N, C-alpha and C. Protein backbone atom coordinates (compact mmCIF):
# COMPACT_ATOMS: atom_id res chain seq x y z
N MET A 1 -39.46 -3.82 4.92
CA MET A 1 -38.42 -4.82 4.90
C MET A 1 -37.09 -4.10 4.75
N GLY A 2 -36.13 -4.46 5.58
CA GLY A 2 -34.84 -3.80 5.56
C GLY A 2 -34.01 -4.15 4.33
N ARG A 3 -33.06 -3.28 4.04
CA ARG A 3 -32.22 -3.45 2.85
C ARG A 3 -31.42 -4.75 2.90
N LYS A 4 -30.84 -5.07 4.07
CA LYS A 4 -30.03 -6.29 4.18
C LYS A 4 -30.89 -7.54 3.98
N LEU A 5 -32.10 -7.52 4.52
CA LEU A 5 -33.00 -8.66 4.34
C LEU A 5 -33.38 -8.80 2.87
N LYS A 6 -33.66 -7.68 2.19
CA LYS A 6 -33.98 -7.72 0.76
C LYS A 6 -32.82 -8.30 -0.03
N GLN A 7 -31.60 -7.87 0.30
CA GLN A 7 -30.42 -8.37 -0.41
C GLN A 7 -30.25 -9.87 -0.20
N ALA A 8 -30.41 -10.31 1.05
CA ALA A 8 -30.25 -11.74 1.35
C ALA A 8 -31.31 -12.58 0.64
N LEU A 9 -32.57 -12.15 0.71
CA LEU A 9 -33.64 -12.89 0.03
C LEU A 9 -33.45 -12.90 -1.48
N SER A 10 -33.06 -11.76 -2.01
CA SER A 10 -32.82 -11.64 -3.45
C SER A 10 -31.73 -12.62 -3.89
N ALA A 11 -30.65 -12.66 -3.15
CA ALA A 11 -29.55 -13.57 -3.49
C ALA A 11 -29.97 -15.03 -3.34
N PHE A 12 -30.64 -15.35 -2.23
CA PHE A 12 -31.04 -16.73 -1.98
C PHE A 12 -32.04 -17.24 -3.01
N LEU A 13 -33.05 -16.42 -3.32
CA LEU A 13 -34.10 -16.82 -4.25
C LEU A 13 -33.76 -16.56 -5.71
N GLU A 14 -32.66 -15.86 -5.93
CA GLU A 14 -32.21 -15.50 -7.28
C GLU A 14 -33.29 -14.72 -8.04
N VAL A 15 -33.81 -13.68 -7.37
CA VAL A 15 -34.80 -12.78 -7.98
C VAL A 15 -34.34 -11.34 -7.72
N PRO A 16 -34.79 -10.38 -8.54
CA PRO A 16 -34.40 -8.98 -8.31
C PRO A 16 -34.90 -8.45 -6.97
N GLN A 17 -34.16 -7.52 -6.38
CA GLN A 17 -34.56 -6.92 -5.11
C GLN A 17 -35.88 -6.18 -5.23
N SER A 18 -36.20 -5.66 -6.41
CA SER A 18 -37.45 -4.92 -6.59
C SER A 18 -38.69 -5.81 -6.41
N THR A 19 -38.50 -7.12 -6.37
CA THR A 19 -39.60 -8.05 -6.13
C THR A 19 -40.23 -7.81 -4.77
N PHE A 20 -39.44 -7.32 -3.84
CA PHE A 20 -39.90 -7.14 -2.46
C PHE A 20 -40.30 -5.70 -2.21
N GLY A 21 -41.39 -5.28 -2.79
CA GLY A 21 -41.89 -3.92 -2.60
C GLY A 21 -42.83 -3.84 -1.42
N LYS A 22 -43.59 -2.75 -1.34
CA LYS A 22 -44.56 -2.59 -0.26
C LYS A 22 -45.70 -3.58 -0.44
N THR A 23 -46.18 -4.07 0.67
CA THR A 23 -47.30 -5.00 0.67
C THR A 23 -48.28 -4.58 1.76
N SER A 24 -49.54 -4.50 1.40
CA SER A 24 -50.57 -4.18 2.38
C SER A 24 -50.99 -5.45 3.10
N ALA A 25 -51.46 -5.28 4.33
CA ALA A 25 -51.97 -6.41 5.10
C ALA A 25 -53.26 -6.01 5.78
N VAL A 26 -54.22 -6.94 5.78
CA VAL A 26 -55.49 -6.73 6.46
C VAL A 26 -55.64 -7.85 7.48
N THR A 27 -55.78 -7.49 8.74
CA THR A 27 -55.92 -8.46 9.82
C THR A 27 -57.21 -8.18 10.56
N SER A 28 -58.09 -9.18 10.58
CA SER A 28 -59.38 -9.01 11.22
C SER A 28 -59.51 -10.00 12.37
N GLU A 29 -59.88 -9.48 13.55
CA GLU A 29 -60.06 -10.32 14.72
C GLU A 29 -61.55 -10.56 14.93
N TYR A 30 -61.92 -11.78 15.23
CA TYR A 30 -63.32 -12.12 15.46
C TYR A 30 -63.87 -11.28 16.62
N GLY A 31 -64.93 -10.56 16.36
CA GLY A 31 -65.58 -9.75 17.38
C GLY A 31 -64.77 -8.53 17.80
N GLY A 32 -63.73 -8.21 17.04
CA GLY A 32 -62.89 -7.09 17.43
C GLY A 32 -62.65 -6.13 16.29
N SER A 33 -61.45 -5.67 16.19
CA SER A 33 -61.12 -4.66 15.19
C SER A 33 -60.45 -5.27 13.97
N THR A 34 -60.40 -4.50 12.90
CA THR A 34 -59.71 -4.87 11.68
C THR A 34 -58.60 -3.86 11.47
N SER A 35 -57.38 -4.36 11.31
CA SER A 35 -56.21 -3.49 11.14
C SER A 35 -55.69 -3.60 9.71
N ILE A 36 -55.31 -2.46 9.16
CA ILE A 36 -54.79 -2.39 7.80
C ILE A 36 -53.45 -1.67 7.83
N THR A 37 -52.45 -2.22 7.14
CA THR A 37 -51.16 -1.55 7.00
C THR A 37 -50.95 -1.18 5.54
N GLU A 38 -50.13 -0.18 5.32
CA GLU A 38 -49.81 0.31 3.97
C GLU A 38 -51.06 0.72 3.20
N CYS A 39 -51.95 1.43 3.87
CA CYS A 39 -53.16 1.96 3.23
C CYS A 39 -52.78 3.23 2.47
N ALA A 40 -53.11 3.27 1.19
CA ALA A 40 -52.78 4.43 0.37
C ALA A 40 -53.85 5.50 0.42
N GLY A 41 -55.05 5.17 0.90
CA GLY A 41 -56.10 6.17 1.00
C GLY A 41 -57.47 5.59 1.24
N VAL A 42 -58.35 6.44 1.73
CA VAL A 42 -59.75 6.06 1.96
C VAL A 42 -60.56 6.55 0.77
N VAL A 43 -61.20 5.63 0.06
CA VAL A 43 -62.00 5.96 -1.11
C VAL A 43 -63.43 6.32 -0.70
N TYR A 44 -63.96 5.58 0.26
CA TYR A 44 -65.35 5.80 0.70
C TYR A 44 -65.46 5.35 2.15
N TYR A 45 -66.29 6.05 2.92
CA TYR A 45 -66.47 5.67 4.33
C TYR A 45 -67.85 6.08 4.82
N ASP A 46 -68.58 5.14 5.40
CA ASP A 46 -69.75 5.42 6.22
C ASP A 46 -69.87 4.30 7.24
N ASP A 47 -70.96 4.25 8.01
CA ASP A 47 -71.02 3.27 9.10
C ASP A 47 -71.34 1.85 8.64
N THR A 48 -71.56 1.64 7.32
CA THR A 48 -71.83 0.30 6.81
C THR A 48 -70.79 -0.18 5.79
N ALA A 49 -69.92 0.72 5.32
CA ALA A 49 -68.93 0.32 4.32
C ALA A 49 -67.71 1.24 4.37
N VAL A 50 -66.54 0.62 4.19
CA VAL A 50 -65.29 1.36 4.08
C VAL A 50 -64.56 0.79 2.86
N VAL A 51 -64.20 1.65 1.93
CA VAL A 51 -63.44 1.23 0.75
C VAL A 51 -62.07 1.88 0.83
N LEU A 52 -61.04 1.06 0.75
CA LEU A 52 -59.67 1.53 0.91
C LEU A 52 -58.83 1.20 -0.32
N LYS A 53 -57.97 2.13 -0.68
CA LYS A 53 -56.98 1.86 -1.72
C LYS A 53 -55.73 1.38 -1.01
N LEU A 54 -55.32 0.14 -1.32
CA LEU A 54 -54.12 -0.43 -0.73
C LEU A 54 -52.99 -0.38 -1.76
N CYS A 55 -51.85 -0.90 -1.44
CA CYS A 55 -50.70 -0.86 -2.35
C CYS A 55 -51.00 -1.52 -3.69
N ASP A 56 -51.66 -2.67 -3.64
CA ASP A 56 -51.81 -3.46 -4.84
C ASP A 56 -53.25 -3.86 -5.16
N CYS A 57 -54.20 -3.36 -4.38
CA CYS A 57 -55.60 -3.70 -4.62
C CYS A 57 -56.50 -2.71 -3.88
N ARG A 58 -57.79 -2.94 -3.99
CA ARG A 58 -58.78 -2.16 -3.27
C ARG A 58 -59.50 -3.11 -2.32
N ALA A 59 -59.66 -2.70 -1.07
CA ALA A 59 -60.36 -3.51 -0.07
C ALA A 59 -61.68 -2.82 0.27
N SER A 60 -62.76 -3.58 0.22
CA SER A 60 -64.08 -3.08 0.60
C SER A 60 -64.52 -3.85 1.83
N ILE A 61 -64.76 -3.12 2.91
CA ILE A 61 -65.12 -3.72 4.19
C ILE A 61 -66.56 -3.33 4.49
N TYR A 62 -67.41 -4.35 4.71
CA TYR A 62 -68.83 -4.12 4.93
C TYR A 62 -69.22 -4.60 6.32
N GLY A 63 -70.14 -3.90 6.96
CA GLY A 63 -70.60 -4.31 8.27
C GLY A 63 -71.58 -3.34 8.86
N GLN A 64 -71.64 -3.30 10.19
CA GLN A 64 -72.56 -2.43 10.91
C GLN A 64 -71.78 -1.66 11.97
N GLY A 65 -72.09 -0.38 12.11
CA GLY A 65 -71.46 0.44 13.12
C GLY A 65 -69.96 0.61 12.93
N LEU A 66 -69.51 0.68 11.67
CA LEU A 66 -68.08 0.78 11.39
C LEU A 66 -67.56 2.18 11.71
N THR A 67 -66.44 2.23 12.38
CA THR A 67 -65.77 3.50 12.67
C THR A 67 -64.28 3.33 12.44
N MET A 68 -63.64 4.40 11.98
CA MET A 68 -62.19 4.40 11.85
C MET A 68 -61.65 5.00 13.13
N SER A 69 -60.99 4.19 13.93
CA SER A 69 -60.53 4.66 15.22
C SER A 69 -59.09 5.17 15.20
N PHE A 70 -58.36 4.92 14.12
CA PHE A 70 -56.99 5.42 14.01
C PHE A 70 -56.58 5.44 12.56
N PHE A 71 -55.93 6.52 12.14
CA PHE A 71 -55.40 6.60 10.79
C PHE A 71 -54.14 7.44 10.83
N GLY A 72 -53.06 6.89 10.38
CA GLY A 72 -51.79 7.61 10.33
C GLY A 72 -50.69 6.72 9.83
N ASN A 73 -49.77 7.30 9.09
CA ASN A 73 -48.63 6.56 8.55
C ASN A 73 -49.03 5.30 7.79
N GLY A 74 -50.15 5.36 7.09
CA GLY A 74 -50.59 4.22 6.29
C GLY A 74 -51.24 3.11 7.10
N GLU A 75 -51.48 3.34 8.38
CA GLU A 75 -52.12 2.33 9.22
C GLU A 75 -53.51 2.80 9.63
N LEU A 76 -54.45 1.89 9.62
CA LEU A 76 -55.84 2.20 9.88
C LEU A 76 -56.47 1.07 10.69
N THR A 77 -57.27 1.42 11.66
CA THR A 77 -58.00 0.42 12.43
C THR A 77 -59.49 0.72 12.31
N ILE A 78 -60.24 -0.30 11.96
CA ILE A 78 -61.69 -0.17 11.82
C ILE A 78 -62.34 -0.98 12.93
N SER A 79 -63.24 -0.34 13.67
CA SER A 79 -63.98 -1.02 14.73
C SER A 79 -65.43 -1.14 14.30
N GLY A 80 -66.13 -2.08 14.90
CA GLY A 80 -67.53 -2.34 14.56
C GLY A 80 -67.69 -3.78 14.15
N LYS A 81 -68.89 -4.14 13.73
CA LYS A 81 -69.17 -5.51 13.32
C LYS A 81 -68.86 -5.67 11.83
N VAL A 82 -67.72 -6.28 11.53
CA VAL A 82 -67.33 -6.52 10.14
C VAL A 82 -67.99 -7.81 9.68
N GLU A 83 -68.75 -7.72 8.57
CA GLU A 83 -69.47 -8.88 8.06
C GLU A 83 -68.81 -9.49 6.84
N ARG A 84 -68.07 -8.65 6.08
CA ARG A 84 -67.46 -9.15 4.84
C ARG A 84 -66.34 -8.23 4.40
N ILE A 85 -65.30 -8.82 3.83
CA ILE A 85 -64.20 -8.05 3.23
C ILE A 85 -63.97 -8.57 1.83
N ASP A 86 -64.03 -7.67 0.85
CA ASP A 86 -63.78 -8.03 -0.55
C ASP A 86 -62.51 -7.33 -1.04
N PHE A 87 -61.78 -8.00 -1.91
CA PHE A 87 -60.58 -7.42 -2.52
C PHE A 87 -60.76 -7.43 -4.03
N THR A 88 -60.42 -6.29 -4.66
CA THR A 88 -60.48 -6.20 -6.12
C THR A 88 -59.19 -5.57 -6.62
N GLU A 89 -58.80 -5.94 -7.85
CA GLU A 89 -57.60 -5.37 -8.44
C GLU A 89 -57.82 -3.91 -8.78
N LEU A 90 -56.74 -3.15 -8.74
CA LEU A 90 -56.83 -1.73 -9.10
C LEU A 90 -56.91 -1.57 -10.59
């Protein structure tokens, strides 16, 4: 989020600018890939489970034939049959 947008939102909502920190996002497409942004690291990985440390939680992705097809700059794409995604607090 850009500095000007943070300033405008902060002023409009009357909250500190620090409220708008990094936020991870997990987007899963039916029958396709799962994309993650702002991934802080891979905790565990095999073809049935991927555990990721995100900005504010841990995401556990379970399925069959899971592969990480891209990882860089905090972005990760997981391909395969995703059956379940769980989120837990750090």
